[in-house]
Amino acid sequence: MKLKFYQSSIIAGILLFCMSFASPHPIKLTSSLIEYNSETAKLQIECRVFTDDFTNSINETLSKNIDLTNLSNEDKKDIENYFRSYYVITINEQGFPLKFETLKVLEEHNVCIFKFSQGTSTIKKGDQLCVENRLFFKEFSFLQTNAITVRIPRFVEEVYLEAMSTDYSFPIDL
């Protein structure tokens, strides 16, 4: 009898532990692509996030709730400011704040696809690109992972980075 109670207690403890991390979706992940277009001298960024994670995070910083399906110009500026705080790209230590271009909301998948761009000077050999992606670490700490792919023709064919709560800044020498 004691053995069954002991086994039941262990199973209940494991279930409680697993449920303590329960949320609408257990995966805490963002995925982004950073590409340099040498013809336009622009960095182009596409960032995919879970819609609920983003709205919960940005709404904590705003005095109003943002409606991603009907963005005002003020909402677009708020999104730019949010990304300016949590997703920083520099070239030779000069910041390139992301300029909002478009947003696609995939409601059936709980995913938002943000597109940004920013003009740069011509990238050349010896430059250093640094990507710092801290999206959602404040909310989810070690549960969050941010996958980043960087493509800079002639310098970086394709590099994959994985930002974690303890390591979210990546210098890339070109």
C-alpha atoms as a PDB file:
ATOM      1  CA  MET A   1       0.000   0.000   0.000  1.00  0.00           C
ATOM      2  CA  LYS A   2       2.824   2.409   0.867  1.00  0.00           C
ATOM      3  CA  LEU A   3       4.449   1.732  -2.476  1.00  0.00           C
ATOM      4  CA  LYS A   4       1.323   2.715  -4.412  1.00  0.00           C
ATOM      5  CA  PHE A   5       0.960   5.923  -2.401  1.00  0.00           C
ATOM      6  CA  TYR A   6       4.635   6.709  -3.014  1.00  0.00           C
ATOM      7  CA  GLN A   7       4.283   6.040  -6.748  1.00  0.00           C
ATOM      8  CA  SER A   8       1.103   8.146  -6.920  1.00  0.00           C
ATOM      9  CA  SER A   9       2.853  10.991  -5.116  1.00  0.00           C
ATOM     10  CA  ILE A  10       5.749  10.920  -7.569  1.00  0.00           C
ATOM     11  CA  ILE A  11       3.418  10.883 -10.578  1.00  0.00           C
ATOM     12  CA  ALA A  12       1.346  13.746  -9.120  1.00  0.00           C
ATOM     13  CA  GLY A  13       4.539  15.733  -8.479  1.00  0.00           C
ATOM     14  CA  ILE A  14       5.754  15.218 -12.033  1.00  0.00           C
ATOM     15  CA  LEU A  15       2.376  16.266 -13.440  1.00  0.00           C
ATOM     16  CA  LEU A  16       2.299  19.409 -11.286  1.00  0.00           C
ATOM     17  CA  PHE A  17       5.832  20.290 -12.354  1.00  0.00           C
ATOM     18  CA  CYS A  18       4.974  19.856 -16.061  1.00  0.00           C
ATOM     19  CA  MET A  19       1.751  21.821 -15.707  1.00  0.00           C
ATOM     20  CA  SER A  20       3.578  24.722 -14.065  1.00  0.00           C
ATOM     21  CA  PHE A  21       5.002  25.492 -17.513  1.00  0.00           C
ATOM     22  CA  ALA A  22       1.659  25.079 -19.270  1.00  0.00           C
ATOM     23  CA  SER A  23       0.564  27.834 -21.595  1.00  0.00           C
ATOM     24  CA  PRO A  24      -1.471  28.067 -24.796  1.00  0.00           C
ATOM     25  CA  HIS A  25       1.618  26.800 -26.630  1.00  0.00           C
ATOM     26  CA  PRO A  26       4.565  25.251 -24.799  1.00  0.00           C
ATOM     27  CA  ILE A  27       7.147  26.269 -27.405  1.00  0.00           C
ATOM     28  CA  LYS A  28       8.727  29.667 -26.789  1.00  0.00           C
ATOM     29  CA  LEU A  29      10.442  30.482 -30.043  1.00  0.00           C
ATOM     30  CA  THR A  30      10.964  33.241 -32.579  1.00  0.00           C
ATOM     31  CA  SER A  31      12.487  32.808 -36.006  1.00  0.00           C
ATOM     32  CA  SER A  32      14.045  35.553 -38.072  1.00  0.00           C
ATOM     33  CA  LEU A  33      15.932  36.098 -41.295  1.00  0.00           C
ATOM     34  CA  ILE A  34      18.342  39.000 -41.799  1.00  0.00           C
ATOM     35  CA  GLU A  35      19.445  39.594 -45.390  1.00  0.00           C
ATOM     36  CA  TYR A  36      21.541  42.291 -46.954  1.00  0.00           C
ATOM     37  CA  ASN A  37      20.458  43.472 -50.389  1.00  0.00           C
ATOM     38  CA  SER A  38      23.591  44.896 -52.027  1.00  0.00           C
ATOM     39  CA  GLU A  39      21.613  46.474 -54.903  1.00  0.00           C
ATOM     40  CA  THR A  40      19.546  48.647 -52.543  1.00  0.00           C
ATOM     41  CA  ALA A  41      22.103  48.746 -49.678  1.00  0.00           C
ATOM     42  CA  LYS A  42      19.341  47.673 -47.278  1.00  0.00           C
ATOM     43  CA  LEU A  43      19.131  45.214 -44.461  1.00  0.00           C
ATOM     44  CA  GLN A  44      15.853  43.320 -44.741  1.00  0.00           C
ATOM     45  CA  ILE A  45      14.514  41.552 -41.671  1.00  0.00           C
ATOM     46  CA  GLU A  46      11.651  39.099 -41.385  1.00  0.00           C
ATOM     47  CA  CYS A  47      10.703  38.030 -37.864  1.00  0.00           C
ATOM     48  CA  ARG A  48       8.125  35.370 -36.997  1.00  0.00           C
ATOM     49  CA  VAL A  49       6.698  35.331 -33.493  1.00  0.00           C
ATOM     50  CA  PHE A  50       3.754  33.770 -31.713  1.00  0.00           C
ATOM     51  CA  THR A  51       0.962  36.346 -31.784  1.00  0.00           C
ATOM     52  CA  ASP A  52      -0.091  35.900 -28.151  1.00  0.00           C
ATOM     53  CA  ASP A  53       3.492  36.178 -26.883  1.00  0.00           C
ATOM     54  CA  PHE A  54       4.017  39.393 -28.828  1.00  0.00           C
ATOM     55  CA  THR A  55       0.726  41.065 -27.856  1.00  0.00           C
ATOM     56  CA  ASN A  56       1.211  40.174 -24.189  1.00  0.00           C
ATOM     57  CA  SER A  57       4.751  41.540 -24.228  1.00  0.00           C
ATOM     58  CA  ILE A  58       4.100  44.763 -26.148  1.00  0.00           C
ATOM     59  CA  ASN A  59       0.853  45.498 -24.285  1.00  0.00           C
ATOM     60  CA  GLU A  60       2.830  45.518 -21.019  1.00  0.00           C
ATOM     61  CA  THR A  61       4.818  48.481 -22.362  1.00  0.00           C
ATOM     62  CA  LEU A  62       1.898  50.429 -23.863  1.00  0.00           C
ATOM     63  CA  SER A  63      -0.933  52.355 -22.254  1.00  0.00           C
ATOM     64  CA  LYS A  64      -3.390  50.629 -24.611  1.00  0.00           C
ATOM     65  CA  ASN A  65      -3.784  47.210 -26.185  1.00  0.00           C
ATOM     66  CA  ILE A  66      -2.577  46.901 -29.752  1.00  0.00           C
ATOM     67  CA  ASP A  67      -4.814  45.389 -32.455  1.00  0.00           C
ATOM     68  CA  LEU A  68      -2.500  43.626 -34.899  1.00  0.00           C
ATOM     69  CA  THR A  69      -5.241  43.186 -37.489  1.00  0.00           C
ATOM     70  CA  ASN A  70      -5.847  46.949 -37.774  1.00  0.00           C
ATOM     71  CA  LEU A  71      -2.625  48.884 -37.157  1.00  0.00           C
ATOM     72  CA  SER A  72      -2.636  52.643 -36.889  1.00  0.00           C
ATOM     73  CA  ASN A  73       0.480  54.716 -37.661  1.00  0.00           C
ATOM     74  CA  GLU A  74       0.960  55.051 -33.901  1.00  0.00           C
ATOM     75  CA  ASP A  75       0.831  51.248 -33.548  1.00  0.00           C
ATOM     76  CA  LYS A  76       3.508  50.899 -36.228  1.00  0.00           C
ATOM     77  CA  LYS A  77       5.746  53.338 -34.341  1.00  0.00           C
ATOM     78  CA  ASP A  78       5.092  51.389 -31.121  1.00  0.00           C
ATOM     79  CA  ILE A  79       6.168  48.180 -32.899  1.00  0.00           C
ATOM     80  CA  GLU A  80       9.333  49.875 -34.178  1.00  0.00           C
ATOM     81  CA  ASN A  81      10.116  51.125 -30.662  1.00  0.00           C
ATOM     82  CA  TYR A  82       9.491  47.688 -29.203  1.00  0.00           C
ATOM     83  CA  PHE A  83      11.888  46.067 -31.680  1.00  0.00           C
ATOM     84  CA  ARG A  84      14.383  48.909 -31.147  1.00  0.00           C
ATOM     85  CA  SER A  85      14.514  47.828 -27.498  1.00  0.00           C
ATOM     86  CA  TYR A  86      14.668  44.045 -27.974  1.00  0.00           C
ATOM     87  CA  TYR A  87      16.147  43.418 -31.437  1.00  0.00           C
ATOM     88  CA  VAL A  88      19.267  45.487 -32.068  1.00  0.00           C
ATOM     89  CA  ILE A  89      21.388  45.335 -35.216  1.00  0.00           C
ATOM     90  CA  THR A  90      24.646  47.259 -35.524  1.00  0.00           C
ATOM     91  CA  ILE A  91      27.324  47.514 -38.174  1.00  0.00           C
ATOM     92  CA  ASN A  92      30.682  48.670 -36.835  1.00  0.00           C
ATOM     93  CA  GLU A  93      28.859  49.686 -33.635  1.00  0.00           C
ATOM     94  CA  GLN A  94      26.493  52.002 -35.544  1.00  0.00           C
ATOM     95  CA  GLY A  95      22.861  51.146 -34.806  1.00  0.00           C
ATOM     96  CA  PHE A  96      20.333  50.465 -37.524  1.00  0.00           C
ATOM     97  CA  PRO A  97      16.864  50.748 -35.969  1.00  0.00           C
ATOM     98  CA  LEU A  98      14.354  48.627 -37.823  1.00  0.00           C
ATOM     99  CA  LYS A  99      11.794  50.445 -39.977  1.00  0.00           C
ATOM    100  CA  PHE A 100       8.415  48.727 -40.021  1.00  0.00           C
ATOM    101  CA  GLU A 101       7.265  47.627 -43.487  1.00  0.00           C
ATOM    102  CA  THR A 102       4.526  45.018 -43.197  1.00  0.00           C
ATOM    103  CA  LEU A 103       2.789  42.641 -40.837  1.00  0.00           C
ATOM    104  CA  LYS A 104       1.023  39.444 -41.753  1.00  0.00           C
ATOM    105  CA  VAL A 105      -1.085  37.776 -39.057  1.00  0.00           C
ATOM    106  CA  LEU A 106      -1.701  34.053 -39.470  1.00  0.00           C
ATOM    107  CA  GLU A 107      -4.537  33.721 -36.978  1.00  0.00           C
ATOM    108  CA  GLU A 108      -5.065  29.988 -37.535  1.00  0.00           C
ATOM    109  CA  HIS A 109      -1.421  29.384 -36.561  1.00  0.00           C
ATOM    110  CA  ASN A 110      -1.091  32.047 -33.823  1.00  0.00           C
ATOM    111  CA  VAL A 111       1.842  33.546 -35.757  1.00  0.00           C
ATOM    112  CA  CYS A 112       2.777  37.080 -36.849  1.00  0.00           C
ATOM    113  CA  ILE A 113       5.306  37.791 -39.573  1.00  0.00           C
ATOM    114  CA  PHE A 114       6.898  41.217 -39.231  1.00  0.00           C
ATOM    115  CA  LYS A 115       8.963  42.681 -42.041  1.00  0.00           C
ATOM    116  CA  PHE A 116      11.408  45.509 -41.483  1.00  0.00           C
ATOM    117  CA  SER A 117      14.149  47.131 -43.505  1.00  0.00           C
ATOM    118  CA  GLN A 118      16.818  49.729 -43.002  1.00  0.00           C
ATOM    119  CA  GLY A 119      19.172  51.463 -45.379  1.00  0.00           C
ATOM    120  CA  THR A 120      22.867  51.043 -44.627  1.00  0.00           C
ATOM    121  CA  SER A 121      26.105  52.190 -46.077  1.00  0.00           C
ATOM    122  CA  THR A 122      27.733  49.656 -48.349  1.00  0.00           C
ATOM    123  CA  ILE A 123      28.932  46.667 -46.369  1.00  0.00           C
ATOM    124  CA  LYS A 124      32.573  45.819 -47.007  1.00  0.00           C
ATOM    125  CA  LYS A 125      35.199  43.324 -45.978  1.00  0.00           C
ATOM    126  CA  GLY A 126      36.369  43.930 -42.415  1.00  0.00           C
ATOM    127  CA  ASP A 127      33.014  45.281 -41.171  1.00  0.00           C
ATOM    128  CA  GLN A 128      31.376  43.729 -38.158  1.00  0.00           C
ATOM    129  CA  LEU A 129      27.638  43.039 -38.001  1.00  0.00           C
ATOM    130  CA  CYS A 130      26.262  42.456 -34.523  1.00  0.00           C
ATOM    131  CA  VAL A 131      22.812  40.986 -33.899  1.00  0.00           C
ATOM    132  CA  GLU A 132      21.285  41.196 -30.428  1.00  0.00           C
ATOM    133  CA  ASN A 133      17.924  39.433 -30.133  1.00  0.00           C
ATOM    134  CA  ARG A 134      16.374  39.619 -26.641  1.00  0.00           C
ATOM    135  CA  LEU A 135      12.739  39.098 -27.707  1.00  0.00           C
ATOM    136  CA  PHE A 136      10.627  37.594 -24.898  1.00  0.00           C
ATOM    137  CA  PHE A 137      13.507  36.715 -22.543  1.00  0.00           C
ATOM    138  CA  LYS A 138      12.003  39.069 -19.965  1.00  0.00           C
ATOM    139  CA  GLU A 139       8.742  37.105 -20.072  1.00  0.00           C
ATOM    140  CA  PHE A 140       9.975  33.513 -20.515  1.00  0.00           C
ATOM    141  CA  SER A 141      13.629  33.500 -19.414  1.00  0.00           C
ATOM    142  CA  PHE A 142      15.328  30.164 -20.144  1.00  0.00           C
ATOM    143  CA  LEU A 143      12.248  28.749 -21.907  1.00  0.00           C
ATOM    144  CA  GLN A 144      12.684  31.215 -24.807  1.00  0.00           C
ATOM    145  CA  THR A 145      14.847  30.576 -27.877  1.00  0.00           C
ATOM    146  CA  ASN A 146      15.316  32.940 -30.812  1.00  0.00           C
ATOM    147  CA  ALA A 147      16.534  31.366 -34.057  1.00  0.00           C
ATOM    148  CA  ILE A 148      18.260  33.770 -36.465  1.00  0.00           C
ATOM    149  CA  THR A 149      19.501  33.190 -40.007  1.00  0.00           C
ATOM    150  CA  VAL A 150      21.863  35.777 -41.509  1.00  0.00           C
ATOM    151  CA  ARG A 151      22.635  36.067 -45.229  1.00  0.00           C
ATOM    152  CA  ILE A 152      25.050  38.694 -46.520  1.00  0.00           C
ATOM    153  CA  PRO A 153      26.067  37.887 -50.097  1.00  0.00           C
ATOM    154  CA  ARG A 154      29.821  37.856 -50.773  1.00  0.00           C
ATOM    155  CA  PHE A 155      30.565  37.696 -47.016  1.00  0.00           C
ATOM    156  CA  VAL A 156      28.195  35.292 -45.262  1.00  0.00           C
ATOM    157  CA  GLU A 157      26.382  32.785 -47.428  1.00  0.00           C
ATOM    158  CA  GLU A 158      24.227  31.698 -44.502  1.00  0.00           C
ATOM    159  CA  VAL A 159      24.862  31.494 -40.782  1.00  0.00           C
ATOM    160  CA  TYR A 160      22.457  30.158 -38.161  1.00  0.00           C
ATOM    161  CA  LEU A 161      22.393  31.668 -34.694  1.00  0.00           C
ATOM    162  CA  GLU A 162      20.434  30.622 -31.637  1.00  0.00           C
ATOM    163  CA  ALA A 163      19.842  33.309 -29.033  1.00  0.00           C
ATOM    164  CA  MET A 164      19.260  32.055 -25.503  1.00  0.00           C
ATOM    165  CA  SER A 165      18.532  34.018 -22.328  1.00  0.00           C
ATOM    166  CA  THR A 166      22.216  33.858 -21.366  1.00  0.00           C
ATOM    167  CA  ASP A 167      23.689  34.441 -24.844  1.00  0.00           C
ATOM    168  CA  TYR A 168      21.742  36.708 -27.183  1.00  0.00           C
ATOM    169  CA  SER A 169      24.392  38.895 -28.818  1.00  0.00           C
ATOM    170  CA  PHE A 170      26.291  37.728 -31.906  1.00  0.00           C
ATOM    171  CA  PRO A 171      29.134  39.621 -33.590  1.00  0.00           C
ATOM    172  CA  ILE A 172      29.803  38.478 -37.152  1.00  0.00           C
ATOM    173  CA  ASP A 173      33.061  39.552 -38.790  1.00  0.00           C
ATOM    174  CA  LEU A 174      32.669  40.106 -42.513  1.00  0.00           C
END
